[in-house]
């Protein structure tokens, strides 16, 4: 009986298309996300992202917002004068973003972080917020980000922490079922990035309601990440100029 269940799970895993299932999830969730997006960026878990980005990135050339969702973060960057192009693998999200794109120069395109539709060294800076959790192979996605970012370019990346609700999407793995949210933690991503040509410049933890910043102020970086809803990182691309 145990062997039969194991064979069933193995067969199911072989037939499972992670990328397609993740895209389907975010297509179906696009309306709900859009209804909450503005508040998240203005008042909630994402309100610190744009100030953190602007602290490190001046008025550069092209900013790629990868995993842009409904485009509200792209819009906020454009309002500060940045030239932005938003990328997301969800057709529904991109459709919403295009409908909401009222600023000149703000563009959106469907694309997958696992194989970005850009030439090498095309972006001056990257904004990648809670995108890498939804890929099966984070290192492959990271190498794509390294590829499209110019040498010396800045990458602002947010990775969900252990207290984030969306992490529940990885639960099925405990029952041997396919899951579409990987279990990569912020400290693991920081190590992966530094092993692949990126230098860590800064990081900042964002906490759930009920955890005040002063409560975590004296903790180590690792413990701050362990309490986090997400961790914001700023990296410099240290790959060599070709």
Protein backbone atom coordinates (compact mmCIF):
# COMPACT_ATOMS: atom_id res chain seq x y z
CA UNK A 1 0.00 0.00 0.00
CA UNK A 2 2.80 2.38 0.92
CA UNK A 3 4.60 1.52 -2.31
CA UNK A 4 1.46 2.21 -4.33
CA UNK A 5 1.06 5.65 -2.75
CA UNK A 6 4.71 6.41 -3.42
CA UNK A 7 4.39 5.40 -7.08
CA UNK A 8 1.26 7.57 -7.39
CA UNK A 9 3.05 10.63 -5.98
CA UNK A 10 6.08 10.05 -8.20
CA UNK A 11 3.89 9.82 -11.29
CA UNK A 12 2.04 12.97 -10.29
CA UNK A 13 5.31 14.82 -9.77
CA UNK A 14 6.55 13.80 -13.23
CA UNK A 15 3.41 15.21 -14.85
CA UNK A 16 3.52 18.43 -12.84
CA UNK A 17 4.43 21.63 -14.73
CA UNK A 18 5.58 24.06 -12.03
CA UNK A 19 5.74 27.11 -14.26
CA UNK A 20 2.29 26.54 -15.75
CA UNK A 21 0.71 25.88 -12.35
CA UNK A 22 2.28 29.02 -10.87
CA UNK A 23 1.07 31.08 -13.81
CA UNK A 24 -2.44 29.64 -13.44
CA UNK A 25 -2.46 30.49 -9.73
CA UNK A 26 -1.55 34.12 -10.33
CA UNK A 27 -3.92 34.45 -13.27
CA UNK A 28 -6.77 33.29 -11.05
CA UNK A 29 -5.59 35.49 -8.17
CA UNK A 30 -5.05 38.64 -10.25
CA UNK A 31 -8.34 40.32 -9.38
CA UNK A 32 -7.98 39.70 -5.65
CA UNK A 33 -4.37 40.90 -5.77
CA UNK A 34 -5.29 44.06 -7.64
CA UNK A 35 -7.98 44.89 -5.09
CA UNK A 36 -5.34 44.86 -2.32
CA UNK A 37 -2.24 46.01 -4.18
CA UNK A 38 -2.51 49.76 -3.68
CA UNK A 39 -2.92 49.40 0.08
CA UNK A 40 0.04 47.00 0.31
CA UNK A 41 2.32 49.48 -1.48
CA UNK A 42 1.02 52.57 0.33
CA UNK A 43 0.37 51.26 3.84
CA UNK A 44 1.24 47.59 4.17
CA UNK A 45 4.09 45.15 3.70
CA UNK A 46 5.40 46.89 0.55
CA UNK A 47 5.41 50.51 1.70
CA UNK A 48 9.15 50.48 2.53
CA UNK A 49 10.27 49.07 -0.82
CA UNK A 50 10.33 52.20 -2.98
CA UNK A 51 12.14 54.36 -0.36
CA UNK A 52 14.70 51.55 0.07
CA UNK A 53 15.17 51.36 -3.72
CA UNK A 54 15.48 55.13 -4.14
CA UNK A 55 18.06 55.34 -1.34
CA UNK A 56 20.44 53.24 -3.42
CA UNK A 57 19.48 53.86 -7.05
CA UNK A 58 19.74 57.29 -8.65
CA UNK A 59 18.11 58.32 -11.90
CA UNK A 60 19.57 55.47 -13.90
CA UNK A 61 18.54 54.31 -17.35
CA UNK A 62 16.16 51.35 -17.66
CA UNK A 63 14.67 49.77 -14.54
CA UNK A 64 13.17 46.30 -15.00
CA UNK A 65 10.41 45.46 -12.51
CA UNK A 66 10.40 41.67 -12.73
CA UNK A 67 7.37 39.98 -11.23
CA UNK A 68 5.58 43.32 -11.42
CA UNK A 69 2.08 41.91 -10.85
CA UNK A 70 -0.55 44.58 -11.52
CA UNK A 71 2.19 47.19 -11.98
CA UNK A 72 1.57 49.37 -8.95
CA UNK A 73 5.21 49.25 -7.88
CA UNK A 74 6.28 50.14 -11.42
CA UNK A 75 3.89 53.09 -11.31
CA UNK A 76 5.39 54.35 -8.05
CA UNK A 77 8.89 54.20 -9.53
CA UNK A 78 7.74 56.03 -12.65
CA UNK A 79 6.20 58.74 -10.49
CA UNK A 80 9.70 59.34 -9.07
CA UNK A 81 11.08 59.82 -12.57
CA UNK A 82 12.51 56.37 -13.25
CA UNK A 83 12.17 54.76 -16.68
CA UNK A 84 10.48 51.46 -15.92
CA UNK A 85 9.43 48.34 -17.77
CA UNK A 86 7.32 45.77 -15.91
CA UNK A 87 7.54 42.02 -16.55
CA UNK A 88 5.26 39.28 -15.24
CA UNK A 89 4.44 35.73 -16.31
CA UNK A 90 0.73 36.17 -15.61
CA UNK A 91 -1.21 37.38 -18.64
CA UNK A 92 -4.02 38.57 -16.38
CA UNK A 93 -1.65 40.64 -14.25
CA UNK A 94 -0.08 42.22 -17.33
CA UNK A 95 -3.53 43.01 -18.73
CA UNK A 96 -4.40 44.86 -15.50
CA UNK A 97 -1.03 46.65 -15.50
CA UNK A 98 -1.47 47.85 -19.07
CA UNK A 99 -4.97 49.08 -18.31
CA UNK A 100 -3.70 51.05 -15.33
CA UNK A 101 -0.57 52.40 -17.09
CA UNK A 102 -1.48 56.06 -17.54
CA UNK A 103 2.03 57.50 -17.37
CA UNK A 104 4.02 58.00 -20.56
CA UNK A 105 7.02 55.71 -20.85
CA UNK A 106 5.64 53.01 -18.55
CA UNK A 107 5.61 49.67 -20.39
CA UNK A 108 4.55 46.14 -19.47
CA UNK A 109 5.38 42.83 -21.14
CA UNK A 110 4.66 39.21 -20.37
CA UNK A 111 7.84 37.32 -19.54
CA UNK A 112 9.24 34.58 -17.31
CA UNK A 113 12.13 35.23 -14.94
CA UNK A 114 13.47 31.79 -15.85
CA UNK A 115 14.05 33.00 -19.42
CA UNK A 116 13.81 36.77 -19.65
CA UNK A 117 13.04 38.36 -23.03
CA UNK A 118 16.04 40.71 -22.94
CA UNK A 119 19.55 40.91 -24.28
CA UNK A 120 22.56 40.73 -21.99
CA UNK A 121 23.35 43.84 -19.92
CA UNK A 122 20.12 45.62 -20.85
CA UNK A 123 18.99 46.88 -17.42
CA UNK A 124 20.63 49.54 -15.27
CA UNK A 125 18.75 48.31 -12.20
CA UNK A 126 16.26 45.63 -11.18
CA UNK A 127 13.27 45.52 -8.85
CA UNK A 128 12.31 41.91 -8.05
CA UNK A 129 9.71 41.67 -5.30
CA UNK A 130 8.52 38.26 -4.08
CA UNK A 131 9.07 36.71 -7.48
CA UNK A 132 11.82 34.16 -6.86
CA UNK A 133 9.72 32.18 -4.36
CA UNK A 134 7.52 31.01 -7.26
CA UNK A 135 10.22 29.36 -9.38
CA UNK A 136 11.34 25.76 -9.26
CA UNK A 137 15.04 26.58 -9.71
CA UNK A 138 16.01 29.82 -7.92
CA UNK A 139 19.63 29.66 -9.10
CA UNK A 140 18.58 29.58 -12.77
CA UNK A 141 16.35 32.60 -12.18
CA UNK A 142 19.17 34.40 -10.37
CA UNK A 143 21.57 33.78 -13.26
CA UNK A 144 19.01 35.28 -15.64
CA UNK A 145 18.90 38.40 -13.44
CA UNK A 146 22.71 38.56 -13.47
CA UNK A 147 22.68 38.21 -17.25
CA UNK A 148 20.27 41.07 -18.03
CA UNK A 149 21.70 43.48 -15.42
CA UNK A 150 24.65 45.61 -16.47
CA UNK A 151 27.98 45.22 -14.65
CA UNK A 152 27.82 47.48 -11.61
CA UNK A 153 24.03 47.64 -11.80
CA UNK A 154 21.83 47.53 -8.71
CA UNK A 155 19.33 44.80 -7.89
CA UNK A 156 16.64 45.35 -5.24
CA UNK A 157 15.18 41.97 -4.34
CA UNK A 158 12.62 40.99 -1.71
CA UNK A 159 12.34 37.40 -0.50
CA UNK A 160 9.45 36.22 1.65
CA UNK A 161 10.37 35.33 5.21
CA UNK A 162 9.09 32.43 7.32
CA UNK A 163 6.12 34.41 8.71
CA UNK A 164 4.66 35.27 5.27
CA UNK A 165 1.21 33.85 4.54
CA UNK A 166 1.99 32.91 0.90
CA UNK A 167 4.54 30.42 2.23
CA UNK A 168 1.58 28.11 2.90
CA UNK A 169 1.66 27.29 -0.82
CA UNK A 170 4.69 25.08 -0.17
CA UNK A 171 2.82 22.90 2.36
CA UNK A 172 1.70 20.14 -0.07
CA UNK A 173 5.31 18.95 -0.32
CA UNK A 174 4.98 17.45 3.18
CA UNK A 175 2.39 15.05 1.81
CA UNK A 176 4.52 14.21 -1.20
CA UNK A 177 2.43 16.46 -3.42
CA UNK A 178 3.82 18.96 -5.94
CA UNK A 179 4.01 22.54 -4.65
CA UNK A 180 4.57 25.84 -6.47
CA UNK A 181 6.21 27.91 -3.73
CA UNK A 182 9.80 26.95 -2.99
CA UNK A 183 11.15 26.96 0.55
CA UNK A 184 14.12 29.31 -0.04
CA UNK A 185 14.63 31.54 2.99
CA UNK A 186 16.14 35.07 2.92
CA UNK A 187 19.47 33.92 4.39
CA UNK A 188 19.71 31.21 1.74
CA UNK A 189 19.06 33.67 -1.06
CA UNK A 190 21.70 36.07 0.28
CA UNK A 191 24.26 33.27 0.16
CA UNK A 192 23.16 32.17 -3.33
CA UNK A 193 23.44 35.73 -4.64
CA UNK A 194 26.89 36.32 -3.19
CA UNK A 195 28.10 33.04 -4.69
CA UNK A 196 26.96 34.22 -8.12
CA UNK A 197 28.61 37.61 -8.73
CA UNK A 198 26.46 39.87 -6.55
CA UNK A 199 27.77 41.96 -3.68
CA UNK A 200 25.37 42.65 -0.81
CA UNK A 201 25.14 46.39 -0.12
CA UNK A 202 22.22 46.62 2.28
CA UNK A 203 19.28 44.71 3.72
CA UNK A 204 16.14 45.54 5.65
CA UNK A 205 13.55 43.32 7.31
CA UNK A 206 9.83 44.00 6.99
CA UNK A 207 7.63 42.54 9.71
CA UNK A 208 4.02 41.50 10.05
CA UNK A 209 1.58 43.60 12.01
CA UNK A 210 2.27 43.15 15.70
CA UNK A 211 6.07 43.07 15.38
CA UNK A 212 7.50 46.56 15.82
CA UNK A 213 10.94 47.38 14.44
CA UNK A 214 12.23 48.40 17.87
CA UNK A 215 11.35 44.94 19.20
CA UNK A 216 13.81 43.40 16.74
CA UNK A 217 16.37 46.20 16.89
CA UNK A 218 18.98 44.39 18.98
CA UNK A 219 18.70 41.04 17.22
CA UNK A 220 21.23 39.66 14.75
CA UNK A 221 20.50 39.89 11.02
CA UNK A 222 19.70 36.16 10.96
CA UNK A 223 17.11 36.51 13.73
CA UNK A 224 15.59 39.58 12.10
CA UNK A 225 15.17 37.56 8.91
CA UNK A 226 13.66 34.70 10.91
CA UNK A 227 10.94 37.05 12.20
CA UNK A 228 10.39 38.73 8.86
CA UNK A 229 7.42 38.80 6.53
CA UNK A 230 9.96 39.68 3.86
CA UNK A 231 13.57 40.79 3.64
CA UNK A 232 14.66 43.55 1.28
CA UNK A 233 18.13 43.22 -0.24
CA UNK A 234 20.18 45.60 -2.35
CA UNK A 235 22.96 44.05 -4.42
CA UNK A 236 25.58 45.30 -6.85
CA UNK A 237 26.25 43.19 -9.93
CA UNK A 238 29.97 42.43 -9.89
CA UNK A 239 30.18 40.47 -13.11
CA UNK A 240 32.95 41.59 -15.44
CA UNK A 241 32.41 43.94 -18.36
CA UNK A 242 32.61 42.09 -21.69
